[in-house]
Protein backbone atom coordinates (compact mmCIF):
# COMPACT_ATOMS: atom_id res chain seq x y z
CA MET A 1 -30.80 -64.47 33.80
CA THR A 2 -28.25 -63.52 36.41
CA ARG A 3 -27.76 -64.97 39.87
CA GLN A 4 -25.82 -62.87 42.36
CA THR A 5 -23.51 -64.84 44.65
CA ASP A 6 -20.97 -62.28 45.71
CA ALA A 7 -20.66 -60.23 48.86
CA ARG A 8 -23.03 -57.47 47.65
CA GLY A 9 -26.21 -59.14 48.76
CA PRO A 10 -28.88 -61.74 48.10
CA GLU A 11 -29.42 -63.52 44.85
CA HIS A 12 -31.40 -61.67 42.20
CA ASP A 13 -32.55 -62.26 38.64
CA THR A 14 -32.36 -59.91 35.69
CA SER A 15 -34.70 -60.06 32.76
CA ALA A 16 -33.60 -60.79 29.24
CA SER A 17 -34.93 -61.50 25.75
CA PRO A 18 -34.10 -64.16 23.12
CA SER A 19 -31.37 -63.84 20.46
CA ASP A 20 -28.82 -66.08 18.73
CA ALA A 21 -25.55 -66.77 20.68
CA ARG A 22 -25.37 -69.83 22.91
CA PRO A 23 -22.75 -71.18 25.35
CA GLU A 24 -20.41 -73.78 23.91
CA PRO A 25 -21.17 -77.42 24.69
CA SER A 26 -19.23 -79.18 27.40
CA THR A 27 -18.31 -82.75 28.20
CA GLY A 28 -18.90 -82.45 31.93
CA GLY A 29 -22.59 -83.52 31.90
CA PRO A 30 -25.79 -81.50 31.75
CA ALA A 31 -25.00 -79.22 34.72
CA ALA A 32 -21.53 -78.38 33.39
CA ALA A 33 -22.89 -77.74 29.90
CA ARG A 34 -25.16 -75.03 31.27
CA ARG A 35 -22.73 -73.55 33.78
CA MET A 36 -22.09 -69.87 33.26
CA ARG A 37 -20.05 -67.94 35.80
CA LEU A 38 -18.60 -64.45 35.71
CA VAL A 39 -15.77 -63.66 38.11
CA TYR A 40 -15.28 -59.90 38.46
CA ASP A 41 -13.81 -57.37 40.86
CA GLY A 42 -16.51 -56.71 43.44
CA GLU A 43 -14.72 -53.62 44.81
CA CYS A 44 -14.26 -51.92 41.44
CA PRO A 45 -17.04 -49.33 40.92
CA ILE A 46 -16.93 -49.80 37.13
CA CYS A 47 -17.07 -53.59 37.37
CA ARG A 48 -19.95 -53.53 39.84
CA ARG A 49 -21.92 -51.15 37.63
CA TYR A 50 -21.24 -53.27 34.53
CA VAL A 51 -22.53 -56.49 36.09
CA ARG A 52 -25.59 -54.67 37.43
CA TRP A 53 -26.49 -53.19 34.04
CA GLN A 54 -25.53 -56.12 31.76
CA ARG A 55 -28.54 -58.27 30.89
CA ILE A 56 -28.22 -61.87 29.71
CA ARG A 57 -30.86 -63.41 27.47
CA ARG A 58 -33.16 -65.88 29.20
CA ASP A 59 -32.61 -68.53 26.53
CA VAL A 60 -28.93 -68.91 27.37
CA GLY A 61 -29.50 -69.70 31.03
CA GLU A 62 -28.49 -68.24 34.36
CA LEU A 63 -25.21 -66.38 34.87
CA GLU A 64 -23.65 -66.71 38.31
CA LEU A 65 -21.82 -63.56 39.43
CA ILE A 66 -18.80 -64.15 41.65
CA ASP A 67 -16.77 -61.48 43.42
CA GLY A 68 -13.14 -62.31 42.56
CA ARG A 69 -11.97 -60.79 45.85
CA GLN A 70 -13.82 -63.45 47.83
CA ALA A 71 -12.64 -67.03 48.31
CA SER A 72 -14.54 -69.31 45.93
CA GLU A 73 -14.23 -72.46 43.88
CA ALA A 74 -14.07 -70.31 40.72
CA ARG A 75 -11.27 -68.13 42.08
CA ARG A 76 -9.27 -71.25 43.03
CA GLU A 77 -9.80 -72.72 39.54
CA LEU A 78 -8.67 -69.51 37.84
CA SER A 79 -5.62 -69.13 40.07
CA ALA A 80 -4.60 -72.76 39.41
CA GLN A 81 -4.83 -72.01 35.66
CA GLY A 82 -2.69 -68.89 36.07
CA ILE A 83 -5.49 -66.48 35.12
CA ASP A 84 -4.80 -63.09 36.69
CA LEU A 85 -8.04 -61.38 37.73
CA ASP A 86 -6.20 -58.06 37.97
CA GLN A 87 -5.83 -58.27 34.17
CA GLY A 88 -9.55 -58.73 33.55
CA PHE A 89 -12.67 -60.58 34.53
CA ALA A 90 -13.24 -64.22 33.62
CA LEU A 91 -16.28 -65.89 32.10
CA GLN A 92 -16.94 -69.61 32.25
CA LEU A 93 -19.21 -71.17 29.61
CA GLY A 94 -19.56 -74.88 30.19
CA ASP A 95 -16.06 -76.16 30.98
CA GLN A 96 -14.26 -73.34 29.12
CA TRP A 97 -12.92 -70.19 30.79
CA TYR A 98 -12.51 -66.92 28.85
CA HIS A 99 -10.48 -64.01 30.19
CA GLY A 100 -10.21 -60.31 29.50
CA SER A 101 -11.30 -59.13 26.05
CA GLU A 102 -12.43 -62.60 25.00
CA ALA A 103 -14.68 -62.80 28.09
CA LEU A 104 -16.13 -59.36 27.38
CA HIS A 105 -16.78 -60.25 23.73
CA ARG A 106 -18.51 -63.55 24.62
CA LEU A 107 -20.56 -61.96 27.39
CA THR A 108 -21.70 -59.28 24.95
CA LEU A 109 -22.94 -61.94 22.52
CA LEU A 110 -24.96 -63.55 25.34
CA GLY A 111 -26.56 -60.21 26.26
CA THR A 112 -29.84 -58.68 25.26
CA ARG A 113 -30.09 -55.76 22.86
CA SER A 114 -32.64 -54.01 25.08
CA GLY A 115 -31.81 -50.77 26.81
CA VAL A 116 -29.25 -48.14 25.91
CA PHE A 117 -26.42 -49.76 27.88
CA ASN A 118 -26.81 -53.22 26.33
CA ARG A 119 -27.17 -51.80 22.80
CA LEU A 120 -24.01 -49.74 23.31
CA MET A 121 -22.11 -52.76 24.66
CA TYR A 122 -23.19 -54.77 21.63
CA ARG A 123 -22.09 -52.04 19.20
CA LEU A 124 -18.69 -51.77 20.90
CA PHE A 125 -17.89 -55.39 21.75
CA ALA A 126 -19.70 -57.70 19.32
CA SER A 127 -16.56 -57.69 17.18
CA PRO A 128 -13.68 -59.68 18.74
CA GLY A 129 -11.09 -57.49 17.00
CA ARG A 130 -12.59 -54.22 18.22
CA THR A 131 -12.98 -55.69 21.73
CA ALA A 132 -9.27 -56.67 21.75
CA ARG A 133 -8.29 -53.15 20.64
CA LEU A 134 -10.48 -51.38 23.20
CA TYR A 135 -9.83 -53.66 26.18
CA PRO A 136 -6.38 -52.30 27.14
CA GLY A 137 -7.90 -48.81 27.50
CA LEU A 138 -10.66 -50.21 29.72
CA LYS A 139 -8.06 -51.96 31.89
CA ALA A 140 -6.05 -48.74 32.21
CA CYS A 141 -9.17 -46.81 33.31
CA ARG A 142 -9.97 -49.50 35.87
CA ARG A 143 -6.42 -49.50 37.25
CA ALA A 144 -6.42 -45.68 37.53
CA LEU A 145 -9.78 -45.70 39.30
CA LEU A 146 -8.68 -48.38 41.75
CA ARG A 147 -5.53 -46.38 42.57
CA LEU A 148 -7.55 -43.18 42.98
CA CYS A 149 -9.98 -45.00 45.32
CA ARG A 150 -7.07 -46.68 47.14
CA ILE A 151 -8.42 -50.14 46.40
CA PRO A 152 -5.66 -52.79 46.41
CA PRO A 153 -5.22 -55.31 43.59
CA ILE A 154 -7.01 -58.67 43.77
CA ASP A 155 -3.65 -60.52 43.72
CA ASN A 156 -5.32 -63.92 43.18
CA LEU A 157 -2.10 -65.43 41.81
CA ARG A 158 -0.08 -64.47 44.90
CA ARG A 159 -2.56 -65.56 47.59
């Protein structure tokens, strides 16, 4: 399930179906063990569409969506760790953060296989090696689109 907490609007849930990947365990107690957060670029049209279409399986829990352009605890954590949100979104599973291609790969494994979009994402990104090879092209497309739309970088490491 997905919980929306960014500037786009009220919280909402997305439906999902069971499968086999689970978040990694954590040592931060029961709440931390289940914590799943995705920090993405809320002004990027591609990123917004991706988080709207991606469906997470119910059995893995609730994914909190966080706009990386807005001030948040997650953004502060990522900045303190030196994770550049202009280089890719970040996924937290338990206490562990994943960035860029690794975040995309892990999020894909947590997703459903229902619907054309989710099946395509699984075919493309279920393999960590293929995800790592394709990710630079995805970043280049995102950068070009942001420039074309005159959307400034997130710059979370400089602010």
